[in-house]
Amino acid sequence: MAGSASTVGVVAVVAALTVAVAAVGGAAVTARRVAETADAAALAAADTASGAVTGYPCDAAARVTAAAGWELAECHVDGLVATVTVAGAYGGVPLDARSRAGPPVVSSP
């Protein structure tokens, strides 16, 4: 009987660890997807701000974000530089990512 109890205990621990690893992995994948969406939304806003695409920069960012299934939390455009924050969640845990896009900063020598 002692062997059966030990086996059940080991199986329970392995199952709990498997669930924990899966949860952490899922959160990491979701966080990466939110960050990738923020990058794409910032690029869309910067392209619109530069005139490469017609429309309003933050509207373009919102369309990209909505297409990915996330929420555009913030959008700021300063000249040709766009900064966006995208919000998402995984299992009730809020996740957000900020990204900036625009022309490179040129410093004088």
N, C-alpha and C. Protein backbone atom coordinates (compact mmCIF):
# COMPACT_ATOMS: atom_id res chain seq x y z
N MET A 1 0.81 -1.18 0.00
CA MET A 1 0.00 0.00 0.00
C MET A 1 0.86 1.26 0.00
N ALA A 2 2.02 1.21 0.64
CA ALA A 2 2.89 2.38 0.70
C ALA A 2 3.40 2.74 -0.69
N GLY A 3 3.65 1.74 -1.51
CA GLY A 3 4.10 2.00 -2.87
C GLY A 3 3.05 2.71 -3.69
N SER A 4 1.80 2.35 -3.50
CA SER A 4 0.71 3.00 -4.23
C SER A 4 0.57 4.46 -3.84
N ALA A 5 0.70 4.76 -2.57
CA ALA A 5 0.61 6.14 -2.09
C ALA A 5 1.76 6.98 -2.64
N SER A 6 2.95 6.41 -2.68
CA SER A 6 4.10 7.13 -3.23
C SER A 6 3.92 7.40 -4.71
N THR A 7 3.39 6.42 -5.43
CA THR A 7 3.16 6.57 -6.86
C THR A 7 2.14 7.67 -7.13
N VAL A 8 1.07 7.66 -6.35
CA VAL A 8 0.04 8.69 -6.51
C VAL A 8 0.63 10.07 -6.21
N GLY A 9 1.46 10.17 -5.19
CA GLY A 9 2.10 11.44 -4.84
C GLY A 9 3.01 11.93 -5.95
N VAL A 10 3.81 11.05 -6.51
CA VAL A 10 4.72 11.42 -7.59
C VAL A 10 3.94 11.86 -8.83
N VAL A 11 2.89 11.12 -9.16
CA VAL A 11 2.07 11.48 -10.31
C VAL A 11 1.41 12.85 -10.09
N ALA A 12 0.95 13.11 -8.88
CA ALA A 12 0.32 14.40 -8.57
C ALA A 12 1.32 15.54 -8.71
N VAL A 13 2.54 15.35 -8.23
CA VAL A 13 3.57 16.38 -8.33
C VAL A 13 3.93 16.63 -9.79
N VAL A 14 4.10 15.57 -10.56
CA VAL A 14 4.44 15.72 -11.98
C VAL A 14 3.31 16.43 -12.72
N ALA A 15 2.07 16.09 -12.41
CA ALA A 15 0.93 16.74 -13.06
C ALA A 15 0.89 18.23 -12.70
N ALA A 16 1.11 18.55 -11.44
CA ALA A 16 1.10 19.95 -11.02
C ALA A 16 2.22 20.74 -11.70
N LEU A 17 3.40 20.15 -11.80
CA LEU A 17 4.51 20.82 -12.48
C LEU A 17 4.22 21.02 -13.97
N THR A 18 3.59 20.04 -14.58
CA THR A 18 3.24 20.14 -15.99
C THR A 18 2.26 21.29 -16.23
N VAL A 19 1.26 21.39 -15.37
CA VAL A 19 0.29 22.49 -15.49
C VAL A 19 0.97 23.84 -15.28
N ALA A 20 1.86 23.92 -14.30
CA ALA A 20 2.56 25.18 -14.03
C ALA A 20 3.44 25.60 -15.20
N VAL A 21 4.17 24.65 -15.76
CA VAL A 21 5.04 24.95 -16.90
C VAL A 21 4.20 25.37 -18.11
N ALA A 22 3.08 24.72 -18.32
CA ALA A 22 2.20 25.08 -19.43
C ALA A 22 1.65 26.49 -19.25
N ALA A 23 1.29 26.84 -18.02
CA ALA A 23 0.76 28.18 -17.76
C ALA A 23 1.82 29.25 -18.00
N VAL A 24 3.02 29.02 -17.52
CA VAL A 24 4.11 29.99 -17.72
C VAL A 24 4.45 30.09 -19.20
N GLY A 25 4.49 28.96 -19.89
CA GLY A 25 4.76 28.98 -21.32
C GLY A 25 3.70 29.72 -22.10
N GLY A 26 2.44 29.50 -21.75
CA GLY A 26 1.34 30.20 -22.41
C GLY A 26 1.41 31.70 -22.19
N ALA A 27 1.74 32.10 -20.98
CA ALA A 27 1.87 33.52 -20.67
C ALA A 27 3.03 34.14 -21.46
N ALA A 28 4.12 33.41 -21.58
CA ALA A 28 5.27 33.92 -22.33
C ALA A 28 4.94 34.08 -23.80
N VAL A 29 4.24 33.12 -24.37
CA VAL A 29 3.85 33.20 -25.78
C VAL A 29 2.89 34.37 -25.99
N THR A 30 1.94 34.53 -25.10
CA THR A 30 0.98 35.63 -25.22
C THR A 30 1.68 36.98 -25.08
N ALA A 31 2.60 37.10 -24.14
CA ALA A 31 3.33 38.35 -23.97
C ALA A 31 4.12 38.68 -25.24
N ARG A 32 4.70 37.68 -25.86
CA ARG A 32 5.45 37.90 -27.10
C ARG A 32 4.52 38.35 -28.22
N ARG A 33 3.34 37.76 -28.30
CA ARG A 33 2.37 38.15 -29.33
C ARG A 33 1.90 39.59 -29.13
N VAL A 34 1.69 39.98 -27.88
CA VAL A 34 1.31 41.37 -27.60
C VAL A 34 2.43 42.31 -28.02
N ALA A 35 3.67 41.94 -27.73
CA ALA A 35 4.82 42.78 -28.11
C ALA A 35 4.96 42.87 -29.63
N GLU A 36 4.75 41.77 -30.33
CA GLU A 36 4.83 41.80 -31.78
C GLU A 36 3.73 42.67 -32.38
N THR A 37 2.55 42.63 -31.77
CA THR A 37 1.46 43.48 -32.23
C THR A 37 1.79 44.95 -31.99
N ALA A 38 2.40 45.25 -30.85
CA ALA A 38 2.79 46.63 -30.58
C ALA A 38 3.81 47.11 -31.62
N ASP A 39 4.75 46.26 -31.98
CA ASP A 39 5.73 46.62 -33.02
C ASP A 39 5.03 46.92 -34.34
N ALA A 40 4.11 46.05 -34.75
CA ALA A 40 3.42 46.23 -36.02
C ALA A 40 2.53 47.48 -35.99
N ALA A 41 1.88 47.73 -34.87
CA ALA A 41 1.01 48.91 -34.75
C ALA A 41 1.83 50.19 -34.80
N ALA A 42 2.99 50.20 -34.14
CA ALA A 42 3.86 51.38 -34.18
C ALA A 42 4.38 51.62 -35.59
N LEU A 43 4.73 50.58 -36.29
CA LEU A 43 5.18 50.74 -37.68
C LEU A 43 4.06 51.27 -38.57
N ALA A 44 2.86 50.77 -38.37
CA ALA A 44 1.72 51.25 -39.17
C ALA A 44 1.46 52.73 -38.89
N ALA A 45 1.52 53.11 -37.62
CA ALA A 45 1.31 54.52 -37.27
C ALA A 45 2.42 55.40 -37.85
N ALA A 46 3.66 54.95 -37.77
CA ALA A 46 4.78 55.74 -38.30
C ALA A 46 4.69 55.85 -39.82
N ASP A 47 4.31 54.78 -40.49
CA ASP A 47 4.14 54.84 -41.95
C ASP A 47 3.06 55.84 -42.33
N THR A 48 1.99 55.87 -41.56
CA THR A 48 0.91 56.81 -41.83
C THR A 48 1.36 58.24 -41.52
N ALA A 49 2.09 58.42 -40.44
CA ALA A 49 2.58 59.76 -40.08
C ALA A 49 3.54 60.30 -41.15
N SER A 50 4.30 59.42 -41.78
CA SER A 50 5.27 59.86 -42.79
C SER A 50 4.61 60.14 -44.13
N GLY A 51 3.36 59.71 -44.29
CA GLY A 51 2.67 59.91 -45.56
C GLY A 51 2.79 58.74 -46.51
N ALA A 52 3.49 57.70 -46.10
CA ALA A 52 3.63 56.51 -46.94
C ALA A 52 2.29 55.79 -47.10
N VAL A 53 1.42 55.97 -46.11
CA VAL A 53 0.08 55.38 -46.12
C VAL A 53 -0.89 56.50 -45.77
N THR A 54 -2.03 56.53 -46.43
CA THR A 54 -3.00 57.59 -46.14
C THR A 54 -3.80 57.27 -44.88
N GLY A 55 -4.28 58.29 -44.23
CA GLY A 55 -5.11 58.11 -43.05
C GLY A 55 -4.51 58.77 -41.83
N TYR A 56 -5.03 58.38 -40.68
CA TYR A 56 -4.57 58.91 -39.39
C TYR A 56 -3.70 57.86 -38.70
N PRO A 57 -2.56 58.25 -38.17
CA PRO A 57 -1.63 57.28 -37.58
C PRO A 57 -2.25 56.39 -36.51
N CYS A 58 -2.95 56.97 -35.55
CA CYS A 58 -3.49 56.15 -34.46
C CYS A 58 -4.64 55.26 -34.93
N ASP A 59 -5.35 55.68 -35.98
CA ASP A 59 -6.37 54.80 -36.56
C ASP A 59 -5.73 53.58 -37.19
N ALA A 60 -4.60 53.79 -37.86
CA ALA A 60 -3.87 52.66 -38.47
C ALA A 60 -3.39 51.70 -37.39
N ALA A 61 -2.86 52.26 -36.30
CA ALA A 61 -2.40 51.42 -35.19
C ALA A 61 -3.57 50.64 -34.58
N ALA A 62 -4.71 51.30 -34.45
CA ALA A 62 -5.88 50.63 -33.87
C ALA A 62 -6.36 49.49 -34.77
N ARG A 63 -6.31 49.67 -36.08
CA ARG A 63 -6.73 48.60 -37.00
C ARG A 63 -5.81 47.39 -36.88
N VAL A 64 -4.51 47.63 -36.82
CA VAL A 64 -3.55 46.53 -36.68
C VAL A 64 -3.78 45.79 -35.36
N THR A 65 -3.97 46.55 -34.30
CA THR A 65 -4.17 45.96 -32.98
C THR A 65 -5.47 45.15 -32.93
N ALA A 66 -6.53 45.69 -33.48
CA ALA A 66 -7.81 44.99 -33.49
C ALA A 66 -7.73 43.71 -34.32
N ALA A 67 -7.01 43.76 -35.43
CA ALA A 67 -6.87 42.57 -36.27
C ALA A 67 -6.16 41.44 -35.53
N ALA A 68 -5.28 41.80 -34.61
CA ALA A 68 -4.57 40.79 -33.83
C ALA A 68 -5.36 40.33 -32.61
N GLY A 69 -6.46 41.03 -32.32
CA GLY A 69 -7.29 40.64 -31.19
C GLY A 69 -6.92 41.28 -29.87
N TRP A 70 -6.13 42.35 -29.91
CA TRP A 70 -5.72 43.04 -28.69
C TRP A 70 -6.33 44.43 -28.66
N GLU A 71 -5.99 45.20 -27.66
CA GLU A 71 -6.54 46.54 -27.49
C GLU A 71 -5.42 47.57 -27.55
N LEU A 72 -5.66 48.65 -28.30
CA LEU A 72 -4.71 49.75 -28.34
C LEU A 72 -4.95 50.62 -27.11
N ALA A 73 -4.01 50.59 -26.17
CA ALA A 73 -4.18 51.31 -24.91
C ALA A 73 -3.75 52.78 -25.05
N GLU A 74 -2.68 53.03 -25.79
CA GLU A 74 -2.17 54.39 -25.98
C GLU A 74 -1.56 54.52 -27.36
N CYS A 75 -1.65 55.73 -27.89
CA CYS A 75 -1.01 56.03 -29.17
C CYS A 75 -0.63 57.50 -29.16
N HIS A 76 0.65 57.77 -29.38
CA HIS A 76 1.15 59.14 -29.44
C HIS A 76 2.02 59.27 -30.68
N VAL A 77 1.83 60.37 -31.39
CA VAL A 77 2.65 60.65 -32.56
C VAL A 77 3.32 62.00 -32.36
N ASP A 78 4.64 62.01 -32.47
CA ASP A 78 5.42 63.23 -32.34
C ASP A 78 6.24 63.37 -33.61
N GLY A 79 5.75 64.20 -34.53
CA GLY A 79 6.42 64.32 -35.82
C GLY A 79 6.22 63.05 -36.62
N LEU A 80 7.32 62.37 -36.90
CA LEU A 80 7.25 61.11 -37.64
C LEU A 80 7.43 59.89 -36.73
N VAL A 81 7.53 60.13 -35.44
CA VAL A 81 7.76 59.04 -34.48
C VAL A 81 6.45 58.67 -33.79
N ALA A 82 6.11 57.40 -33.86
CA ALA A 82 4.89 56.90 -33.23
C ALA A 82 5.25 55.99 -32.06
N THR A 83 4.55 56.17 -30.95
CA THR A 83 4.72 55.31 -29.78
C THR A 83 3.35 54.77 -29.42
N VAL A 84 3.25 53.45 -29.34
CA VAL A 84 1.97 52.82 -29.02
C VAL A 84 2.15 51.86 -27.85
N THR A 85 1.07 51.66 -27.12
CA THR A 85 1.00 50.65 -26.07
C THR A 85 -0.18 49.75 -26.38
N VAL A 86 0.07 48.46 -26.41
CA VAL A 86 -0.96 47.46 -26.69
C VAL A 86 -1.21 46.67 -25.42
N ALA A 87 -2.49 46.46 -25.12
CA ALA A 87 -2.87 45.72 -23.91
C ALA A 87 -3.51 44.40 -24.29
N GLY A 88 -3.19 43.40 -23.51
CA GLY A 88 -3.79 42.08 -23.68
C GLY A 88 -3.89 41.42 -22.32
N ALA A 89 -4.27 40.16 -22.31
CA ALA A 89 -4.37 39.43 -21.05
C ALA A 89 -4.20 37.94 -21.32
N TYR A 90 -3.71 37.26 -20.31
CA TYR A 90 -3.60 35.80 -20.37
C TYR A 90 -4.11 35.25 -19.05
N GLY A 91 -5.19 34.55 -19.11
CA GLY A 91 -5.75 33.96 -17.90
C GLY A 91 -6.10 34.98 -16.84
N GLY A 92 -6.54 36.14 -17.26
CA GLY A 92 -6.89 37.19 -16.31
C GLY A 92 -5.71 38.05 -15.88
N VAL A 93 -4.52 37.70 -16.30
CA VAL A 93 -3.33 38.49 -15.96
C VAL A 93 -3.10 39.52 -17.07
N PRO A 94 -3.16 40.82 -16.75
CA PRO A 94 -2.98 41.82 -17.80
C PRO A 94 -1.54 41.87 -18.30
N LEU A 95 -1.41 42.03 -19.61
CA LEU A 95 -0.11 42.15 -20.25
C LEU A 95 -0.15 43.39 -21.13
N ASP A 96 0.93 44.14 -21.17
CA ASP A 96 1.01 45.25 -22.09
C ASP A 96 2.41 45.37 -22.65
N ALA A 97 2.48 45.97 -23.83
CA ALA A 97 3.77 46.15 -24.50
C ALA A 97 3.77 47.51 -25.17
N ARG A 98 4.89 48.18 -25.10
CA ARG A 98 5.05 49.50 -25.72
C ARG A 98 6.10 49.38 -26.83
N SER A 99 5.84 50.07 -27.92
CA SER A 99 6.78 50.06 -29.04
C SER A 99 6.84 51.45 -29.66
N ARG A 100 7.97 51.75 -30.24
CA ARG A 100 8.23 53.05 -30.86
C ARG A 100 8.77 52.80 -32.26
N ALA A 101 8.30 53.59 -33.23
CA ALA A 101 8.78 53.45 -34.59
C ALA A 101 8.86 54.82 -35.23
N GLY A 102 9.80 54.96 -36.13
CA GLY A 102 9.99 56.21 -36.85
C GLY A 102 11.35 56.22 -37.49
N PRO A 103 11.70 57.33 -38.09
CA PRO A 103 13.02 57.41 -38.72
C PRO A 103 14.13 57.37 -37.67
N PRO A 104 15.31 56.95 -38.07
CA PRO A 104 16.40 56.89 -37.10
C PRO A 104 16.80 58.27 -36.60
N VAL A 105 17.28 58.30 -35.39
CA VAL A 105 17.76 59.55 -34.82
C VAL A 105 19.18 59.78 -35.34
N VAL A 106 19.38 60.93 -35.95
CA VAL A 106 20.70 61.26 -36.49
C VAL A 106 21.34 62.29 -35.57
N SER A 107 22.48 61.92 -35.02
CA SER A 107 23.19 62.86 -34.14
C SER A 107 24.32 63.51 -34.92
N SER A 108 24.52 64.78 -34.67
CA SER A 108 25.60 65.49 -35.36
C SER A 108 26.93 65.20 -34.65
N PRO A 109 28.00 65.11 -35.43
CA PRO A 109 29.31 64.77 -34.84
C PRO A 109 29.88 65.83 -33.97
